[in-house]
Amino acid sequence: MLMAIACAAIVLLLLLLVSGIPKAKQRTPVKALILLWGGFLLYEGYMDLIWEKTVHAPIRLDLLFLLPLMAMATVVGAVWYVWRGRSDD
């Protein structure tokens, strides 16, 4: 489930990036979010596909930290994107 959310986020951000963002300043937060979500996708893929198979009862306490962090980073990136677009007007 989390891998699907990460993939969807990356696809949406890539579509936003290739759709022709007019200002170069606005590309920076989008690229940062793509890297962040890509890292999360790799980590989550490792945890789901490899680590969980090696333990008896996988309790994912790392998600208590990672999910709020990813949500906060996405909100900050969105605000940064909008703010950078309005700063030159």
C-alpha atoms as a PDB file:
ATOM      1  CA  MET A   1       0.000   0.000   0.000  1.00  0.00           C
ATOM      2  CA  LEU A   2       2.731   2.467   0.933  1.00  0.00           C
ATOM      3  CA  MET A   3       4.719   1.506  -2.148  1.00  0.00           C
ATOM      4  CA  ALA A   4       1.699   2.313  -4.309  1.00  0.00           C
ATOM      5  CA  ILE A   5       1.323   5.709  -2.632  1.00  0.00           C
ATOM      6  CA  ALA A   6       5.023   6.434  -3.150  1.00  0.00           C
ATOM      7  CA  CYS A   7       4.811   5.392  -6.816  1.00  0.00           C
ATOM      8  CA  ALA A   8       1.748   7.570  -7.341  1.00  0.00           C
ATOM      9  CA  ALA A   9       3.479  10.531  -5.713  1.00  0.00           C
ATOM     10  CA  ILE A  10       6.548  10.105  -7.908  1.00  0.00           C
ATOM     11  CA  VAL A  11       4.450   9.797 -11.075  1.00  0.00           C
ATOM     12  CA  LEU A  12       2.432  12.897 -10.214  1.00  0.00           C
ATOM     13  CA  LEU A  13       5.558  14.896  -9.417  1.00  0.00           C
ATOM     14  CA  LEU A  14       7.256  13.754 -12.631  1.00  0.00           C
ATOM     15  CA  LEU A  15       4.164  14.754 -14.616  1.00  0.00           C
ATOM     16  CA  LEU A  16       4.254  18.141 -12.931  1.00  0.00           C
ATOM     17  CA  LEU A  17       7.939  18.487 -13.760  1.00  0.00           C
ATOM     18  CA  VAL A  18       7.600  17.572 -17.445  1.00  0.00           C
ATOM     19  CA  SER A  19       4.402  19.553 -17.932  1.00  0.00           C
ATOM     20  CA  GLY A  20       6.511  22.653 -18.305  1.00  0.00           C
ATOM     21  CA  ILE A  21       6.875  24.514 -15.037  1.00  0.00           C
ATOM     22  CA  PRO A  22       7.528  28.036 -16.264  1.00  0.00           C
ATOM     23  CA  LYS A  23       9.969  29.178 -13.592  1.00  0.00           C
ATOM     24  CA  ALA A  24      13.240  27.428 -12.833  1.00  0.00           C
ATOM     25  CA  LYS A  25      12.844  28.325  -9.139  1.00  0.00           C
ATOM     26  CA  GLN A  26       9.689  26.231  -8.973  1.00  0.00           C
ATOM     27  CA  ARG A  27      11.476  23.134 -10.242  1.00  0.00           C
ATOM     28  CA  THR A  28      13.693  22.873  -7.162  1.00  0.00           C
ATOM     29  CA  PRO A  29      10.989  21.806  -4.666  1.00  0.00           C
ATOM     30  CA  VAL A  30       9.531  19.366  -7.191  1.00  0.00           C
ATOM     31  CA  LYS A  31      12.940  17.760  -7.758  1.00  0.00           C
ATOM     32  CA  ALA A  32      13.536  17.610  -4.002  1.00  0.00           C
ATOM     33  CA  LEU A  33      10.193  15.863  -3.456  1.00  0.00           C
ATOM     34  CA  ILE A  34      10.915  13.400  -6.275  1.00  0.00           C
ATOM     35  CA  LEU A  35      14.215  12.482  -4.604  1.00  0.00           C
ATOM     36  CA  LEU A  36      12.571  12.222  -1.177  1.00  0.00           C
ATOM     37  CA  TRP A  37       9.690  10.045  -2.388  1.00  0.00           C
ATOM     38  CA  GLY A  38      12.119   7.960  -4.469  1.00  0.00           C
ATOM     39  CA  GLY A  39      14.231   7.291  -1.396  1.00  0.00           C
ATOM     40  CA  PHE A  40      11.123   6.382   0.565  1.00  0.00           C
ATOM     41  CA  LEU A  41      10.054   4.021  -2.234  1.00  0.00           C
ATOM     42  CA  LEU A  42      13.421   2.249  -2.186  1.00  0.00           C
ATOM     43  CA  TYR A  43      13.384   1.969   1.612  1.00  0.00           C
ATOM     44  CA  GLU A  44       9.794   0.738   1.682  1.00  0.00           C
ATOM     45  CA  GLY A  45      10.524  -1.754  -1.091  1.00  0.00           C
ATOM     46  CA  TYR A  46      13.437  -3.147   0.899  1.00  0.00           C
ATOM     47  CA  MET A  47      11.364  -3.357   4.068  1.00  0.00           C
ATOM     48  CA  ASP A  48       8.375  -5.008   2.349  1.00  0.00           C
ATOM     49  CA  LEU A  49      10.165  -7.367   0.014  1.00  0.00           C
ATOM     50  CA  ILE A  50      13.279  -8.362   1.961  1.00  0.00           C
ATOM     51  CA  TRP A  51      13.249  -7.445   5.652  1.00  0.00           C
ATOM     52  CA  GLU A  52       9.700  -8.569   6.503  1.00  0.00           C
ATOM     53  CA  LYS A  53      10.461 -12.041   5.155  1.00  0.00           C
ATOM     54  CA  THR A  54      13.297 -12.501   7.652  1.00  0.00           C
ATOM     55  CA  VAL A  55      11.359 -11.848  10.866  1.00  0.00           C
ATOM     56  CA  HIS A  56       8.514 -13.720  12.520  1.00  0.00           C
ATOM     57  CA  ALA A  57       6.226 -10.814  13.473  1.00  0.00           C
ATOM     58  CA  PRO A  58       7.289  -7.611  11.710  1.00  0.00           C
ATOM     59  CA  ILE A  59       6.228  -4.613  13.738  1.00  0.00           C
ATOM     60  CA  ARG A  60       7.036  -1.503  11.748  1.00  0.00           C
ATOM     61  CA  LEU A  61       7.769   1.151  14.360  1.00  0.00           C
ATOM     62  CA  ASP A  62       9.750   3.077  11.745  1.00  0.00           C
ATOM     63  CA  LEU A  63       6.433   4.081  10.170  1.00  0.00           C
ATOM     64  CA  LEU A  64       5.536   6.089  13.281  1.00  0.00           C
ATOM     65  CA  PHE A  65       8.415   8.363  12.329  1.00  0.00           C
ATOM     66  CA  LEU A  66       8.449   8.111   8.532  1.00  0.00           C
ATOM     67  CA  LEU A  67       4.783   8.692   7.697  1.00  0.00           C
ATOM     68  CA  PRO A  68       4.468  12.026   9.555  1.00  0.00           C
ATOM     69  CA  LEU A  69       7.868  13.055   8.169  1.00  0.00           C
ATOM     70  CA  MET A  70       6.817  12.321   4.576  1.00  0.00           C
ATOM     71  CA  ALA A  71       3.487  14.101   5.036  1.00  0.00           C
ATOM     72  CA  MET A  72       5.178  17.155   6.533  1.00  0.00           C
ATOM     73  CA  ALA A  73       7.851  17.194   3.804  1.00  0.00           C
ATOM     74  CA  THR A  74       5.185  17.010   1.098  1.00  0.00           C
ATOM     75  CA  VAL A  75       3.238  19.901   2.605  1.00  0.00           C
ATOM     76  CA  VAL A  76       6.417  21.970   2.997  1.00  0.00           C
ATOM     77  CA  GLY A  77       7.381  21.158  -0.611  1.00  0.00           C
ATOM     78  CA  ALA A  78       3.948  22.213  -1.877  1.00  0.00           C
ATOM     79  CA  VAL A  79       4.080  25.485   0.051  1.00  0.00           C
ATOM     80  CA  TRP A  80       7.635  26.054  -1.172  1.00  0.00           C
ATOM     81  CA  TYR A  81       6.495  25.428  -4.772  1.00  0.00           C
ATOM     82  CA  VAL A  82       3.651  27.936  -4.493  1.00  0.00           C
ATOM     83  CA  TRP A  83       5.770  30.498  -2.616  1.00  0.00           C
ATOM     84  CA  ARG A  84       8.608  30.337  -5.156  1.00  0.00           C
ATOM     85  CA  GLY A  85       6.099  30.881  -7.953  1.00  0.00           C
ATOM     86  CA  ARG A  86       4.678  33.999  -6.331  1.00  0.00           C
ATOM     87  CA  SER A  87       7.933  35.599  -5.132  1.00  0.00           C
ATOM     88  CA  ASP A  88       8.816  37.216  -8.464  1.00  0.00           C
ATOM     89  CA  ASP A  89       5.358  38.601  -9.276  1.00  0.00           C
END
